[in-house]
Amino acid sequence: MAEKVIYAMYDDDDVLKDGAKMLVAKGVKVSEVFSPFPIHGIDPIIGVKNTRLGIAAFLFGITGTFLATYGMRFFMITDWPINIGGKPNGTYLENMLAFIPVTFEFTVLCAAHGMAITYLLRNKMVPGMPAQNPDPRTTDDKFVIELRASENAQFSVDELLSMLKQTGIIEIDQKEIN
């Protein structure tokens, strides 16, 4: 069964925010907003939950810290102990201060790369994947609100269209998605 989806296009982000506020106040559920840049303040308006990307970054950072610590202990103490600059090489604790910069840098490296990869995978933006935006102009200078009829069952499609026309849209498009 095909689902009816309505796309309303705007040419200004402030008009889109005001329109989204008006729609949500009337009980309409906004499924998604497509824009060429982040619209600050749109997330709480349309009900997007806070991201857990910070938690993932912390876990990637802890992993980096562990790997750096284990690697330096293995390479510099266990596998190939060398007296560099008069530093003692008997235990990791005697050398720990010398390893702090490397540990910090590897922690940042793992956290940054892990966050970037997680972000791309979660948002289905891995290079080579087809774009999921409804109109290519949303990557340049237009803004789109997506409404799904299944999420707004209390309204008919005609009611949704009439409410959208009051929000300052410049173009409207309806599609049926399987």
C-alpha atoms as a PDB file:
ATOM      1  CA  MET A   1       0.000   0.000   0.000  1.00  0.00           C
ATOM      2  CA  ALA A   2       1.375   3.386  -1.013  1.00  0.00           C
ATOM      3  CA  GLU A   3       1.780   6.167   1.515  1.00  0.00           C
ATOM      4  CA  LYS A   4       0.935   9.776   0.652  1.00  0.00           C
ATOM      5  CA  VAL A   5       3.753  12.237   1.353  1.00  0.00           C
ATOM      6  CA  ILE A   6       3.480  16.013   1.030  1.00  0.00           C
ATOM      7  CA  TYR A   7       6.512  18.241   0.462  1.00  0.00           C
ATOM      8  CA  ALA A   8       6.149  21.979   1.071  1.00  0.00           C
ATOM      9  CA  MET A   9       8.981  24.174  -0.232  1.00  0.00           C
ATOM     10  CA  TYR A  10      10.064  27.492   1.273  1.00  0.00           C
ATOM     11  CA  ASP A  11      12.665  30.019   0.192  1.00  0.00           C
ATOM     12  CA  ASP A  12      13.472  31.376   3.676  1.00  0.00           C
ATOM     13  CA  ASP A  13      14.404  29.464   6.828  1.00  0.00           C
ATOM     14  CA  ASP A  14      12.562  31.887   9.135  1.00  0.00           C
ATOM     15  CA  VAL A  15       9.353  31.426   7.156  1.00  0.00           C
ATOM     16  CA  LEU A  16       9.835  27.649   7.434  1.00  0.00           C
ATOM     17  CA  LYS A  17      10.320  27.877  11.216  1.00  0.00           C
ATOM     18  CA  ASP A  18       7.211  30.030  11.621  1.00  0.00           C
ATOM     19  CA  GLY A  19       5.244  27.654   9.395  1.00  0.00           C
ATOM     20  CA  ALA A  20       6.452  24.620  11.355  1.00  0.00           C
ATOM     21  CA  LYS A  21       5.421  26.304  14.629  1.00  0.00           C
ATOM     22  CA  MET A  22       1.966  26.982  13.234  1.00  0.00           C
ATOM     23  CA  LEU A  23       1.545  23.418  11.937  1.00  0.00           C
ATOM     24  CA  VAL A  24       2.719  21.812  15.187  1.00  0.00           C
ATOM     25  CA  ALA A  25       0.420  24.107  17.192  1.00  0.00           C
ATOM     26  CA  LYS A  26      -2.498  22.745  15.136  1.00  0.00           C
ATOM     27  CA  GLY A  27      -1.455  19.153  15.900  1.00  0.00           C
ATOM     28  CA  VAL A  28       0.328  18.313  12.646  1.00  0.00           C
ATOM     29  CA  LYS A  29       3.342  15.982  12.912  1.00  0.00           C
ATOM     30  CA  VAL A  30       6.250  17.190  10.762  1.00  0.00           C
ATOM     31  CA  SER A  31       8.215  14.144   9.596  1.00  0.00           C
ATOM     32  CA  GLU A  32      11.357  15.811   8.316  1.00  0.00           C
ATOM     33  CA  VAL A  33      12.883  19.124   7.296  1.00  0.00           C
ATOM     34  CA  PHE A  34      15.394  19.339   4.443  1.00  0.00           C
ATOM     35  CA  SER A  35      17.666  22.376   4.236  1.00  0.00           C
ATOM     36  CA  PRO A  36      21.027  23.371   2.751  1.00  0.00           C
ATOM     37  CA  PHE A  37      22.357  24.291   6.213  1.00  0.00           C
ATOM     38  CA  PRO A  38      21.373  23.580   9.825  1.00  0.00           C
ATOM     39  CA  ILE A  39      18.368  25.597  10.949  1.00  0.00           C
ATOM     40  CA  HIS A  40      19.003  26.491  14.567  1.00  0.00           C
ATOM     41  CA  GLY A  41      15.960  25.961  16.741  1.00  0.00           C
ATOM     42  CA  ILE A  42      14.013  23.688  14.373  1.00  0.00           C
ATOM     43  CA  ASP A  43      14.670  20.480  16.344  1.00  0.00           C
ATOM     44  CA  PRO A  44      12.519  21.314  19.389  1.00  0.00           C
ATOM     45  CA  ILE A  45       9.802  22.740  17.143  1.00  0.00           C
ATOM     46  CA  ILE A  46       9.310  19.530  15.156  1.00  0.00           C
ATOM     47  CA  GLY A  47      10.066  17.227  18.089  1.00  0.00           C
ATOM     48  CA  VAL A  48      13.483  15.798  17.191  1.00  0.00           C
ATOM     49  CA  LYS A  49      15.131  14.106  20.167  1.00  0.00           C
ATOM     50  CA  ASN A  50      18.626  15.048  21.308  1.00  0.00           C
ATOM     51  CA  THR A  51      21.397  13.096  19.651  1.00  0.00           C
ATOM     52  CA  ARG A  52      23.493  10.455  21.411  1.00  0.00           C
ATOM     53  CA  LEU A  53      26.527  11.219  19.262  1.00  0.00           C
ATOM     54  CA  GLY A  54      28.342  12.643  22.301  1.00  0.00           C
ATOM     55  CA  ILE A  55      28.019   9.313  24.105  1.00  0.00           C
ATOM     56  CA  ALA A  56      29.413   7.537  21.052  1.00  0.00           C
ATOM     57  CA  ALA A  57      32.315  10.018  20.920  1.00  0.00           C
ATOM     58  CA  PHE A  58      33.115   9.343  24.571  1.00  0.00           C
ATOM     59  CA  LEU A  59      33.137   5.579  23.955  1.00  0.00           C
ATOM     60  CA  PHE A  60      35.372   5.997  20.895  1.00  0.00           C
ATOM     61  CA  GLY A  61      37.695   8.222  22.968  1.00  0.00           C
ATOM     62  CA  ILE A  62      37.907   5.658  25.779  1.00  0.00           C
ATOM     63  CA  THR A  63      38.700   3.003  23.183  1.00  0.00           C
ATOM     64  CA  GLY A  64      41.483   5.227  21.808  1.00  0.00           C
ATOM     65  CA  THR A  65      42.897   5.808  25.283  1.00  0.00           C
ATOM     66  CA  PHE A  66      42.927   2.079  25.995  1.00  0.00           C
ATOM     67  CA  LEU A  67      44.523   1.214  22.648  1.00  0.00           C
ATOM     68  CA  ALA A  68      47.197   3.914  23.008  1.00  0.00           C
ATOM     69  CA  THR A  69      48.033   2.844  26.551  1.00  0.00           C
ATOM     70  CA  TYR A  70      48.162  -0.835  25.688  1.00  0.00           C
ATOM     71  CA  GLY A  71      50.156  -0.207  22.495  1.00  0.00           C
ATOM     72  CA  MET A  72      52.768   1.994  24.160  1.00  0.00           C
ATOM     73  CA  ARG A  73      53.176  -0.439  27.038  1.00  0.00           C
ATOM     74  CA  PHE A  74      53.615  -3.329  24.644  1.00  0.00           C
ATOM     75  CA  PHE A  75      55.921  -1.587  22.156  1.00  0.00           C
ATOM     76  CA  MET A  76      58.063   0.467  24.547  1.00  0.00           C
ATOM     77  CA  ILE A  77      58.207  -1.759  27.659  1.00  0.00           C
ATOM     78  CA  THR A  78      57.487  -5.381  26.729  1.00  0.00           C
ATOM     79  CA  ASP A  79      58.458  -5.928  23.093  1.00  0.00           C
ATOM     80  CA  TRP A  80      61.389  -3.564  22.436  1.00  0.00           C
ATOM     81  CA  PRO A  81      62.605  -1.677  25.538  1.00  0.00           C
ATOM     82  CA  ILE A  82      65.037   1.075  24.563  1.00  0.00           C
ATOM     83  CA  ASN A  83      66.588   3.701  26.828  1.00  0.00           C
ATOM     84  CA  ILE A  84      65.590   6.942  25.058  1.00  0.00           C
ATOM     85  CA  GLY A  85      66.807  10.182  26.623  1.00  0.00           C
ATOM     86  CA  GLY A  86      67.654   8.512  29.929  1.00  0.00           C
ATOM     87  CA  LYS A  87      64.060   7.474  30.644  1.00  0.00           C
ATOM     88  CA  PRO A  88      63.783   4.294  32.685  1.00  0.00           C
ATOM     89  CA  ASN A  89      62.291   1.407  30.782  1.00  0.00           C
ATOM     90  CA  GLY A  90      61.388  -1.056  33.516  1.00  0.00           C
ATOM     91  CA  THR A  91      57.646  -0.410  33.900  1.00  0.00           C
ATOM     92  CA  TYR A  92      54.900   1.581  32.236  1.00  0.00           C
ATOM     93  CA  LEU A  93      54.314   3.651  35.390  1.00  0.00           C
ATOM     94  CA  GLU A  94      57.904   4.954  35.301  1.00  0.00           C
ATOM     95  CA  ASN A  95      57.352   6.139  31.703  1.00  0.00           C
ATOM     96  CA  MET A  96      53.713   7.247  31.857  1.00  0.00           C
ATOM     97  CA  LEU A  97      54.405  11.003  31.805  1.00  0.00           C
ATOM     98  CA  ALA A  98      56.313  10.661  28.547  1.00  0.00           C
ATOM     99  CA  PHE A  99      53.359   8.842  26.976  1.00  0.00           C
ATOM    100  CA  ILE A 100      50.649  11.389  27.860  1.00  0.00           C
ATOM    101  CA  PRO A 101      50.881  13.422  24.605  1.00  0.00           C
ATOM    102  CA  VAL A 102      50.633  10.304  22.453  1.00  0.00           C
ATOM    103  CA  THR A 103      47.720   9.012  24.544  1.00  0.00           C
ATOM    104  CA  PHE A 104      45.863  12.320  24.205  1.00  0.00           C
ATOM    105  CA  GLU A 105      46.402  12.542  20.460  1.00  0.00           C
ATOM    106  CA  PHE A 106      45.303   8.957  19.831  1.00  0.00           C
ATOM    107  CA  THR A 107      42.209   9.500  22.004  1.00  0.00           C
ATOM    108  CA  VAL A 108      41.245  12.542  19.911  1.00  0.00           C
ATOM    109  CA  LEU A 109      41.981  10.678  16.677  1.00  0.00           C
ATOM    110  CA  CYS A 110      39.740   7.735  17.591  1.00  0.00           C
ATOM    111  CA  ALA A 111      36.940   9.958  18.911  1.00  0.00           C
ATOM    112  CA  ALA A 112      36.912  12.210  15.833  1.00  0.00           C
ATOM    113  CA  HIS A 113      37.075   9.432  13.266  1.00  0.00           C
ATOM    114  CA  GLY A 114      34.572   7.284  15.146  1.00  0.00           C
ATOM    115  CA  MET A 115      32.120  10.194  15.399  1.00  0.00           C
ATOM    116  CA  ALA A 116      32.444  11.024  11.710  1.00  0.00           C
ATOM    117  CA  ILE A 117      31.927   7.414  10.631  1.00  0.00           C
ATOM    118  CA  THR A 118      28.994   6.960  13.027  1.00  0.00           C
ATOM    119  CA  TYR A 119      27.391  10.180  11.773  1.00  0.00           C
ATOM    120  CA  LEU A 120      27.710   9.130   8.132  1.00  0.00           C
ATOM    121  CA  LEU A 121      26.363   5.628   8.768  1.00  0.00           C
ATOM    122  CA  ARG A 122      23.482   6.776  10.984  1.00  0.00           C
ATOM    123  CA  ASN A 123      22.340   9.407   8.494  1.00  0.00           C
ATOM    124  CA  LYS A 124      22.825   7.084   5.517  1.00  0.00           C
ATOM    125  CA  MET A 125      25.273   9.488   3.905  1.00  0.00           C
ATOM    126  CA  VAL A 126      28.088   7.073   3.105  1.00  0.00           C
ATOM    127  CA  PRO A 127      29.676   7.987  -0.242  1.00  0.00           C
ATOM    128  CA  GLY A 128      28.001   6.055  -3.030  1.00  0.00           C
ATOM    129  CA  MET A 129      24.579   5.916  -1.389  1.00  0.00           C
ATOM    130  CA  PRO A 130      21.755   7.607  -3.289  1.00  0.00           C
ATOM    131  CA  ALA A 131      20.529  10.929  -1.912  1.00  0.00           C
ATOM    132  CA  GLN A 132      17.267  10.814   0.014  1.00  0.00           C
ATOM    133  CA  ASN A 133      16.296  14.447  -0.253  1.00  0.00           C
ATOM    134  CA  PRO A 134      13.048  15.104  -2.128  1.00  0.00           C
ATOM    135  CA  ASP A 135      14.366  17.941  -4.274  1.00  0.00           C
ATOM    136  CA  PRO A 136      17.947  18.713  -5.306  1.00  0.00           C
ATOM    137  CA  ARG A 137      17.328  22.415  -4.684  1.00  0.00           C
ATOM    138  CA  THR A 138      17.417  21.679  -0.929  1.00  0.00           C
ATOM    139  CA  THR A 139      21.191  21.434  -1.257  1.00  0.00           C
ATOM    140  CA  ASP A 140      21.395  24.964  -2.648  1.00  0.00           C
ATOM    141  CA  ASP A 141      18.860  27.546  -1.470  1.00  0.00           C
ATOM    142  CA  LYS A 142      15.440  25.977  -0.772  1.00  0.00           C
ATOM    143  CA  PHE A 143      13.896  24.454   2.358  1.00  0.00           C
ATOM    144  CA  VAL A 144      11.357  21.612   2.469  1.00  0.00           C
ATOM    145  CA  ILE A 145       8.969  20.314   5.128  1.00  0.00           C
ATOM    146  CA  GLU A 146       7.844  16.707   4.752  1.00  0.00           C
ATOM    147  CA  LEU A 147       4.433  15.610   6.038  1.00  0.00           C
ATOM    148  CA  ARG A 148       3.297  11.991   5.919  1.00  0.00           C
ATOM    149  CA  ALA A 149      -0.405  11.237   5.766  1.00  0.00           C
ATOM    150  CA  SER A 150       0.048   8.128   7.920  1.00  0.00           C
ATOM    151  CA  GLU A 151       1.508  10.214  10.776  1.00  0.00           C
ATOM    152  CA  ASN A 152      -1.308  12.776  10.464  1.00  0.00           C
ATOM    153  CA  ALA A 153      -4.285  10.432  10.193  1.00  0.00           C
ATOM    154  CA  GLN A 154      -6.550  12.880  12.060  1.00  0.00           C
ATOM    155  CA  PHE A 155      -6.348  15.249   9.062  1.00  0.00           C
ATOM    156  CA  SER A 156      -7.333  14.639   5.460  1.00  0.00           C
ATOM    157  CA  VAL A 157      -4.817  15.415   2.738  1.00  0.00           C
ATOM    158  CA  ASP A 158      -6.894  18.414   1.678  1.00  0.00           C
ATOM    159  CA  GLU A 159      -6.841  19.784   5.241  1.00  0.00           C
ATOM    160  CA  LEU A 160      -3.063  19.377   5.372  1.00  0.00           C
ATOM    161  CA  LEU A 161      -2.694  21.164   2.048  1.00  0.00           C
ATOM    162  CA  SER A 162      -4.895  24.079   3.157  1.00  0.00           C
ATOM    163  CA  MET A 163      -2.907  24.438   6.409  1.00  0.00           C
ATOM    164  CA  LEU A 164       0.371  24.371   4.461  1.00  0.00           C
ATOM    165  CA  LYS A 165      -0.834  27.092   2.086  1.00  0.00           C
ATOM    166  CA  GLN A 166      -1.233  29.414   5.094  1.00  0.00           C
ATOM    167  CA  THR A 167       2.445  29.045   6.061  1.00  0.00           C
ATOM    168  CA  GLY A 168       4.049  30.938   3.168  1.00  0.00           C
ATOM    169  CA  ILE A 169       5.068  28.079   0.904  1.00  0.00           C
ATOM    170  CA  ILE A 170       6.321  28.758  -2.600  1.00  0.00           C
ATOM    171  CA  GLU A 171       5.717  25.276  -3.988  1.00  0.00           C
ATOM    172  CA  ILE A 172       3.956  22.074  -2.957  1.00  0.00           C
ATOM    173  CA  ASP A 173       4.455  18.509  -4.151  1.00  0.00           C
ATOM    174  CA  GLN A 174       2.641  15.259  -3.381  1.00  0.00           C
ATOM    175  CA  LYS A 175       4.117  11.813  -3.857  1.00  0.00           C
ATOM    176  CA  GLU A 176       3.090   8.268  -3.139  1.00  0.00           C
ATOM    177  CA  ILE A 177       5.859   6.180  -1.624  1.00  0.00           C
ATOM    178  CA  ASN A 178       5.738   2.414  -1.332  1.00  0.00           C
END
